Amino acid sequence: MKNLPENKKIILFDGVCNLCNGAVQFIIKNDKKDTFRFVALQSELGIEICNHIGVDQTKVDSIILYHPGVAYYYKSSAVLEISKDLGGIYSLASFFKIFPEKFRNYIYDYIAKNRYKWYGKKESCMIPTPELKAKFL
């Protein structure tokens, strides 16, 4: 795909989910190496990226980590890859790789299924502040 920043990993997230928006804010705050860029799954670019990697975004109830030209990860694997890239204490989350992906995704899916009930939902996607605008595509 063209027009994506070079050497950046793209996190596709549910733009109306409060839990997801909180996670994005957390990642931005802790992304000391400026590794990540963010795209709402519901946006034109989010849909285009999903089509490009062969993921039906209407059926995805997950975060997706897309490393252009290399790989993509979703659900618990995306979370663990993001944690690894944040470094420091967050890289300790890789400990959870000892559990089978199926088990990790079962827990991930349970949280994803209940995220609106537990954390709420926005009427529209988050609008980044001017300082954060460069982090969003």
N, C-alpha and C. Protein backbone atom coordinates (compact mmCIF):
# COMPACT_ATOMS: atom_id res chain seq x y z
N MET A 1 0.84 -1.19 0.00
CA MET A 1 0.00 0.00 0.00
C MET A 1 0.88 1.24 0.00
N LYS A 2 0.45 2.23 -0.73
CA LYS A 2 1.22 3.47 -0.76
C LYS A 2 0.65 4.45 0.28
N ASN A 3 1.37 5.51 0.50
CA ASN A 3 0.99 6.58 1.41
C ASN A 3 0.98 6.19 2.89
N LEU A 4 1.60 5.07 3.23
CA LEU A 4 1.75 4.72 4.64
C LEU A 4 3.16 5.12 5.06
N PRO A 5 3.31 5.60 6.28
CA PRO A 5 4.64 6.03 6.72
C PRO A 5 5.62 4.85 6.75
N GLU A 6 6.85 5.11 6.36
CA GLU A 6 7.87 4.06 6.37
C GLU A 6 8.35 3.82 7.80
N ASN A 7 8.71 2.60 8.07
CA ASN A 7 9.27 2.21 9.36
C ASN A 7 8.34 2.47 10.55
N LYS A 8 7.06 2.45 10.33
CA LYS A 8 6.08 2.61 11.41
C LYS A 8 5.14 1.40 11.38
N LYS A 9 4.69 1.02 12.55
CA LYS A 9 3.69 -0.04 12.67
C LYS A 9 2.35 0.64 12.91
N ILE A 10 1.33 0.10 12.28
CA ILE A 10 0.02 0.73 12.31
C ILE A 10 -0.92 -0.08 13.19
N ILE A 11 -1.54 0.59 14.14
CA ILE A 11 -2.52 -0.04 15.01
C ILE A 11 -3.90 0.38 14.54
N LEU A 12 -4.68 -0.61 14.13
CA LEU A 12 -6.07 -0.37 13.74
C LEU A 12 -6.93 -0.71 14.95
N PHE A 13 -7.82 0.21 15.33
CA PHE A 13 -8.59 0.03 16.55
C PHE A 13 -10.03 0.48 16.33
N ASP A 14 -10.91 0.04 17.21
CA ASP A 14 -12.31 0.42 17.17
C ASP A 14 -12.41 1.87 17.66
N GLY A 15 -12.69 2.78 16.74
CA GLY A 15 -12.68 4.21 17.05
C GLY A 15 -13.79 4.67 17.97
N VAL A 16 -14.82 3.88 18.19
CA VAL A 16 -15.91 4.30 19.06
C VAL A 16 -15.87 3.61 20.43
N CYS A 17 -14.93 2.74 20.65
CA CYS A 17 -14.83 1.98 21.90
C CYS A 17 -14.00 2.76 22.92
N ASN A 18 -14.58 2.99 24.10
CA ASN A 18 -13.85 3.71 25.15
C ASN A 18 -12.62 2.94 25.62
N LEU A 19 -12.72 1.63 25.76
CA LEU A 19 -11.57 0.82 26.17
C LEU A 19 -10.45 0.93 25.13
N CYS A 20 -10.82 0.83 23.86
CA CYS A 20 -9.84 0.91 22.78
C CYS A 20 -9.17 2.29 22.74
N ASN A 21 -9.98 3.34 22.90
CA ASN A 21 -9.42 4.70 22.91
C ASN A 21 -8.49 4.90 24.10
N GLY A 22 -8.83 4.32 25.24
CA GLY A 22 -7.95 4.38 26.40
C GLY A 22 -6.64 3.66 26.14
N ALA A 23 -6.73 2.52 25.45
CA ALA A 23 -5.52 1.76 25.11
C ALA A 23 -4.64 2.57 24.15
N VAL A 24 -5.26 3.24 23.19
CA VAL A 24 -4.50 4.07 22.24
C VAL A 24 -3.78 5.19 23.00
N GLN A 25 -4.48 5.85 23.92
CA GLN A 25 -3.86 6.92 24.72
C GLN A 25 -2.67 6.37 25.53
N PHE A 26 -2.85 5.17 26.09
CA PHE A 26 -1.78 4.53 26.86
C PHE A 26 -0.57 4.25 25.97
N ILE A 27 -0.82 3.70 24.80
CA ILE A 27 0.28 3.37 23.88
C ILE A 27 1.01 4.64 23.45
N ILE A 28 0.27 5.69 23.10
CA ILE A 28 0.90 6.95 22.70
C ILE A 28 1.81 7.46 23.82
N LYS A 29 1.31 7.44 25.03
CA LYS A 29 2.07 7.95 26.18
C LYS A 29 3.35 7.14 26.40
N ASN A 30 3.33 5.85 26.12
CA ASN A 30 4.46 4.97 26.40
C ASN A 30 5.29 4.59 25.17
N ASP A 31 4.96 5.15 24.02
CA ASP A 31 5.67 4.85 22.77
C ASP A 31 6.90 5.75 22.65
N LYS A 32 7.90 5.47 23.45
CA LYS A 32 9.10 6.32 23.54
C LYS A 32 9.91 6.32 22.25
N LYS A 33 9.81 5.25 21.45
CA LYS A 33 10.58 5.14 20.21
C LYS A 33 9.78 5.62 18.99
N ASP A 34 8.56 6.14 19.22
CA ASP A 34 7.70 6.64 18.13
C ASP A 34 7.52 5.56 17.05
N THR A 35 7.15 4.37 17.49
CA THR A 35 7.01 3.21 16.62
C THR A 35 5.66 3.16 15.92
N PHE A 36 4.61 3.65 16.56
CA PHE A 36 3.24 3.38 16.12
C PHE A 36 2.53 4.57 15.51
N ARG A 37 1.64 4.23 14.58
CA ARG A 37 0.64 5.17 14.06
C ARG A 37 -0.71 4.49 14.22
N PHE A 38 -1.77 5.27 14.24
CA PHE A 38 -3.09 4.76 14.59
C PHE A 38 -4.12 5.09 13.52
N VAL A 39 -5.01 4.12 13.29
CA VAL A 39 -6.08 4.28 12.31
C VAL A 39 -7.34 3.61 12.88
N ALA A 40 -8.45 4.32 12.86
CA ALA A 40 -9.71 3.70 13.29
C ALA A 40 -10.14 2.68 12.24
N LEU A 41 -10.59 1.52 12.71
CA LEU A 41 -11.08 0.48 11.79
C LEU A 41 -12.19 1.01 10.89
N GLN A 42 -13.00 1.94 11.42
CA GLN A 42 -14.16 2.46 10.69
C GLN A 42 -13.80 3.50 9.63
N SER A 43 -12.56 3.99 9.64
CA SER A 43 -12.17 5.04 8.70
C SER A 43 -11.93 4.46 7.30
N GLU A 44 -11.86 5.36 6.31
CA GLU A 44 -11.59 4.92 4.94
C GLU A 44 -10.26 4.17 4.86
N LEU A 45 -9.23 4.73 5.50
CA LEU A 45 -7.91 4.08 5.47
C LEU A 45 -7.94 2.76 6.23
N GLY A 46 -8.66 2.71 7.34
CA GLY A 46 -8.79 1.46 8.09
C GLY A 46 -9.42 0.36 7.24
N ILE A 47 -10.46 0.72 6.52
CA ILE A 47 -11.13 -0.24 5.63
C ILE A 47 -10.19 -0.66 4.50
N GLU A 48 -9.46 0.31 3.95
CA GLU A 48 -8.53 0.02 2.85
C GLU A 48 -7.42 -0.93 3.32
N ILE A 49 -6.87 -0.69 4.52
CA ILE A 49 -5.81 -1.56 5.04
C ILE A 49 -6.37 -2.97 5.28
N CYS A 50 -7.55 -3.06 5.86
CA CYS A 50 -8.16 -4.38 6.10
C CYS A 50 -8.36 -5.13 4.79
N ASN A 51 -8.85 -4.44 3.78
CA ASN A 51 -9.03 -5.08 2.47
C ASN A 51 -7.68 -5.54 1.90
N HIS A 52 -6.66 -4.71 2.08
CA HIS A 52 -5.32 -5.02 1.56
C HIS A 52 -4.76 -6.29 2.21
N ILE A 53 -4.96 -6.46 3.52
CA ILE A 53 -4.40 -7.64 4.20
C ILE A 53 -5.37 -8.81 4.24
N GLY A 54 -6.58 -8.60 3.69
CA GLY A 54 -7.54 -9.70 3.58
C GLY A 54 -8.34 -9.95 4.84
N VAL A 55 -8.59 -8.90 5.62
CA VAL A 55 -9.37 -9.03 6.85
C VAL A 55 -10.69 -8.30 6.64
N ASP A 56 -11.79 -8.98 6.92
CA ASP A 56 -13.12 -8.36 6.81
C ASP A 56 -13.36 -7.54 8.07
N GLN A 57 -13.17 -6.21 7.97
CA GLN A 57 -13.27 -5.37 9.16
C GLN A 57 -14.68 -5.34 9.75
N THR A 58 -15.68 -5.75 9.01
CA THR A 58 -17.03 -5.79 9.59
C THR A 58 -17.19 -6.97 10.54
N LYS A 59 -16.27 -7.95 10.44
CA LYS A 59 -16.34 -9.13 11.30
C LYS A 59 -15.22 -9.15 12.34
N VAL A 60 -14.41 -8.10 12.35
CA VAL A 60 -13.29 -8.05 13.28
C VAL A 60 -13.72 -7.34 14.55
N ASP A 61 -13.56 -8.01 15.66
CA ASP A 61 -13.88 -7.46 16.96
C ASP A 61 -12.56 -7.36 17.72
N SER A 62 -11.57 -6.72 17.09
CA SER A 62 -10.22 -6.84 17.60
C SER A 62 -9.37 -5.65 17.20
N ILE A 63 -8.27 -5.55 17.90
CA ILE A 63 -7.22 -4.62 17.51
C ILE A 63 -6.35 -5.36 16.49
N ILE A 64 -5.84 -4.62 15.52
CA ILE A 64 -4.95 -5.21 14.52
C ILE A 64 -3.65 -4.41 14.53
N LEU A 65 -2.54 -5.09 14.57
CA LEU A 65 -1.24 -4.46 14.42
C LEU A 65 -0.73 -4.83 13.04
N TYR A 66 -0.53 -3.83 12.20
CA TYR A 66 -0.08 -4.04 10.83
C TYR A 66 1.32 -3.45 10.66
N HIS A 67 2.26 -4.30 10.32
CA HIS A 67 3.62 -3.87 10.01
C HIS A 67 3.75 -3.99 8.50
N PRO A 68 3.55 -2.87 7.78
CA PRO A 68 3.49 -2.92 6.31
C PRO A 68 4.65 -3.68 5.68
N GLY A 69 4.30 -4.59 4.80
CA GLY A 69 5.29 -5.37 4.08
C GLY A 69 5.93 -6.49 4.89
N VAL A 70 5.53 -6.63 6.16
CA VAL A 70 6.15 -7.65 7.01
C VAL A 70 5.10 -8.64 7.51
N ALA A 71 4.14 -8.17 8.30
CA ALA A 71 3.15 -9.07 8.90
C ALA A 71 2.01 -8.27 9.51
N TYR A 72 0.98 -8.98 9.92
CA TYR A 72 -0.05 -8.35 10.74
C TYR A 72 -0.45 -9.33 11.83
N TYR A 73 -0.91 -8.77 12.93
CA TYR A 73 -1.31 -9.55 14.11
C TYR A 73 -2.65 -9.02 14.58
N TYR A 74 -3.44 -9.90 15.18
CA TYR A 74 -4.68 -9.41 15.78
C TYR A 74 -4.95 -10.14 17.08
N LYS A 75 -5.93 -9.63 17.81
CA LYS A 75 -6.32 -10.14 19.12
C LYS A 75 -5.12 -10.16 20.07
N SER A 76 -4.96 -11.24 20.83
CA SER A 76 -3.92 -11.28 21.86
C SER A 76 -2.52 -11.17 21.27
N SER A 77 -2.31 -11.68 20.09
CA SER A 77 -0.98 -11.60 19.47
C SER A 77 -0.61 -10.15 19.18
N ALA A 78 -1.58 -9.34 18.76
CA ALA A 78 -1.33 -7.92 18.53
C ALA A 78 -0.95 -7.23 19.84
N VAL A 79 -1.68 -7.53 20.89
CA VAL A 79 -1.39 -6.92 22.20
C VAL A 79 0.02 -7.27 22.65
N LEU A 80 0.40 -8.53 22.50
CA LEU A 80 1.74 -8.95 22.93
C LEU A 80 2.84 -8.31 22.08
N GLU A 81 2.61 -8.19 20.78
CA GLU A 81 3.59 -7.54 19.90
C GLU A 81 3.73 -6.05 20.24
N ILE A 82 2.62 -5.40 20.51
CA ILE A 82 2.65 -3.98 20.88
C ILE A 82 3.42 -3.82 22.19
N SER A 83 3.13 -4.68 23.17
CA SER A 83 3.82 -4.62 24.46
C SER A 83 5.33 -4.80 24.28
N LYS A 84 5.70 -5.72 23.42
CA LYS A 84 7.13 -5.97 23.16
C LYS A 84 7.79 -4.71 22.59
N ASP A 85 7.09 -4.05 21.66
CA ASP A 85 7.65 -2.85 21.03
C ASP A 85 7.69 -1.65 21.98
N LEU A 86 6.81 -1.63 22.98
CA LEU A 86 6.85 -0.53 23.96
C LEU A 86 8.10 -0.65 24.83
N GLY A 87 8.57 -1.88 24.98
CA GLY A 87 9.80 -2.10 25.73
C GLY A 87 9.61 -1.95 27.23
N GLY A 88 10.73 -1.93 27.93
CA GLY A 88 10.71 -1.76 29.38
C GLY A 88 9.86 -2.83 30.06
N ILE A 89 9.17 -2.43 31.09
CA ILE A 89 8.35 -3.36 31.87
C ILE A 89 7.24 -3.98 31.03
N TYR A 90 6.78 -3.27 30.00
CA TYR A 90 5.68 -3.77 29.17
C TYR A 90 6.08 -5.00 28.36
N SER A 91 7.37 -5.11 28.07
CA SER A 91 7.82 -6.28 27.31
C SER A 91 7.68 -7.57 28.13
N LEU A 92 7.49 -7.45 29.44
CA LEU A 92 7.27 -8.63 30.28
C LEU A 92 5.96 -9.34 29.93
N ALA A 93 5.07 -8.64 29.24
CA ALA A 93 3.80 -9.26 28.82
C ALA A 93 4.07 -10.45 27.90
N SER A 94 5.24 -10.49 27.28
CA SER A 94 5.55 -11.62 26.40
C SER A 94 5.53 -12.95 27.16
N PHE A 95 5.57 -12.89 28.48
CA PHE A 95 5.42 -14.09 29.32
C PHE A 95 4.16 -14.86 28.92
N PHE A 96 3.10 -14.13 28.53
CA PHE A 96 1.82 -14.77 28.20
C PHE A 96 1.88 -15.60 26.92
N LYS A 97 2.99 -15.51 26.18
CA LYS A 97 3.14 -16.35 24.99
C LYS A 97 3.28 -17.82 25.36
N ILE A 98 3.53 -18.11 26.64
CA ILE A 98 3.62 -19.52 27.05
C ILE A 98 2.25 -20.19 26.96
N PHE A 99 1.19 -19.38 26.99
CA PHE A 99 -0.16 -19.92 26.86
C PHE A 99 -0.50 -20.06 25.38
N PRO A 100 -1.22 -21.10 25.02
CA PRO A 100 -1.62 -21.27 23.62
C PRO A 100 -2.44 -20.07 23.14
N GLU A 101 -2.24 -19.71 21.88
CA GLU A 101 -2.94 -18.56 21.30
C GLU A 101 -4.46 -18.72 21.44
N LYS A 102 -4.95 -19.93 21.27
CA LYS A 102 -6.40 -20.18 21.38
C LYS A 102 -6.92 -19.78 22.76
N PHE A 103 -6.17 -20.11 23.81
CA PHE A 103 -6.55 -19.75 25.18
C PHE A 103 -6.48 -18.23 25.37
N ARG A 104 -5.38 -17.61 24.91
CA ARG A 104 -5.24 -16.15 25.03
C ARG A 104 -6.38 -15.44 24.31
N ASN A 105 -6.73 -15.93 23.12
CA ASN A 105 -7.79 -15.28 22.34
C ASN A 105 -9.17 -15.50 22.96
N TYR A 106 -9.35 -16.60 23.67
CA TYR A 106 -10.61 -16.83 24.37
C TYR A 106 -10.83 -15.71 25.40
N ILE A 107 -9.80 -15.40 26.15
CA ILE A 107 -9.90 -14.32 27.15
C ILE A 107 -10.06 -12.97 26.44
N TYR A 108 -9.29 -12.76 25.38
CA TYR A 108 -9.38 -11.53 24.61
C TYR A 108 -10.81 -11.34 24.08
N ASP A 109 -11.37 -12.40 23.50
CA ASP A 109 -12.72 -12.32 22.93
C ASP A 109 -13.77 -12.03 24.01
N TYR A 110 -13.59 -12.58 25.20
CA TYR A 110 -14.54 -12.32 26.29
C TYR A 110 -14.54 -10.83 26.65
N ILE A 111 -13.36 -10.25 26.74
CA ILE A 111 -13.26 -8.82 27.03
C ILE A 111 -13.83 -8.01 25.86
N ALA A 112 -13.47 -8.37 24.64
CA ALA A 112 -13.95 -7.64 23.46
C ALA A 112 -15.48 -7.68 23.36
N LYS A 113 -16.05 -8.84 23.68
CA LYS A 113 -17.50 -8.99 23.59
C LYS A 113 -18.22 -8.08 24.60
N ASN A 114 -17.59 -7.82 25.72
CA ASN A 114 -18.22 -7.04 26.79
C ASN A 114 -17.71 -5.60 26.89
N ARG A 115 -16.85 -5.19 25.98
CA ARG A 115 -16.20 -3.89 26.13
C ARG A 115 -17.17 -2.70 26.12
N TYR A 116 -18.19 -2.74 25.31
CA TYR A 116 -19.14 -1.63 25.29
C TYR A 116 -19.95 -1.59 26.58
N LYS A 117 -20.32 -2.76 27.07
CA LYS A 117 -21.11 -2.85 28.30
C LYS A 117 -20.29 -2.35 29.49
N TRP A 118 -19.03 -2.75 29.56
CA TRP A 118 -18.18 -2.39 30.70
C TRP A 118 -17.61 -0.98 30.61
N TYR A 119 -17.21 -0.55 29.42
CA TYR A 119 -16.48 0.71 29.27
C TYR A 119 -17.24 1.78 28.49
N GLY A 120 -18.31 1.41 27.84
CA GLY A 120 -19.09 2.38 27.09
C GLY A 120 -18.62 2.54 25.66
N LYS A 121 -19.34 3.40 24.96
CA LYS A 121 -19.12 3.58 23.53
C LYS A 121 -19.32 5.05 23.20
N LYS A 122 -18.53 5.58 22.29
CA LYS A 122 -18.67 6.96 21.83
C LYS A 122 -19.63 6.99 20.64
N GLU A 123 -20.18 8.16 20.40
CA GLU A 123 -21.07 8.33 19.26
C GLU A 123 -20.29 8.39 17.94
N SER A 124 -19.03 8.85 18.04
CA SER A 124 -18.20 8.94 16.84
C SER A 124 -16.75 8.66 17.22
N CYS A 125 -15.91 8.53 16.22
CA CYS A 125 -14.49 8.25 16.46
C CYS A 125 -13.83 9.42 17.19
N MET A 126 -12.79 9.09 17.94
CA MET A 126 -12.03 10.08 18.68
C MET A 126 -11.38 11.07 17.72
N ILE A 127 -11.40 12.34 18.08
CA ILE A 127 -10.71 13.37 17.31
C ILE A 127 -9.43 13.69 18.08
N PRO A 128 -8.27 13.42 17.49
CA PRO A 128 -7.02 13.67 18.21
C PRO A 128 -6.77 15.17 18.40
N THR A 129 -6.11 15.49 19.50
CA THR A 129 -5.71 16.88 19.74
C THR A 129 -4.66 17.26 18.71
N PRO A 130 -4.44 18.57 18.51
CA PRO A 130 -3.42 18.98 17.54
C PRO A 130 -2.04 18.36 17.82
N GLU A 131 -1.69 18.20 19.11
CA GLU A 131 -0.38 17.62 19.46
C GLU A 131 -0.29 16.16 19.02
N LEU A 132 -1.42 15.45 19.06
CA LEU A 132 -1.41 14.02 18.74
C LEU A 132 -1.74 13.72 17.28
N LYS A 133 -2.13 14.72 16.53
CA LYS A 133 -2.60 14.49 15.16
C LYS A 133 -1.59 13.74 14.30
N ALA A 134 -0.29 13.97 14.50
CA ALA A 134 0.74 13.31 13.70
C ALA A 134 0.77 11.80 13.93
N LYS A 135 0.20 11.34 15.04
CA LYS A 135 0.19 9.90 15.36
C LYS A 135 -0.93 9.15 14.64
N PHE A 136 -1.88 9.91 14.07
CA PHE A 136 -3.03 9.30 13.42
C PHE A 136 -2.96 9.49 11.92
N LEU A 137 -3.35 8.44 11.19
CA LEU A 137 -3.31 8.48 9.73
C LEU A 137 -4.70 8.72 9.17
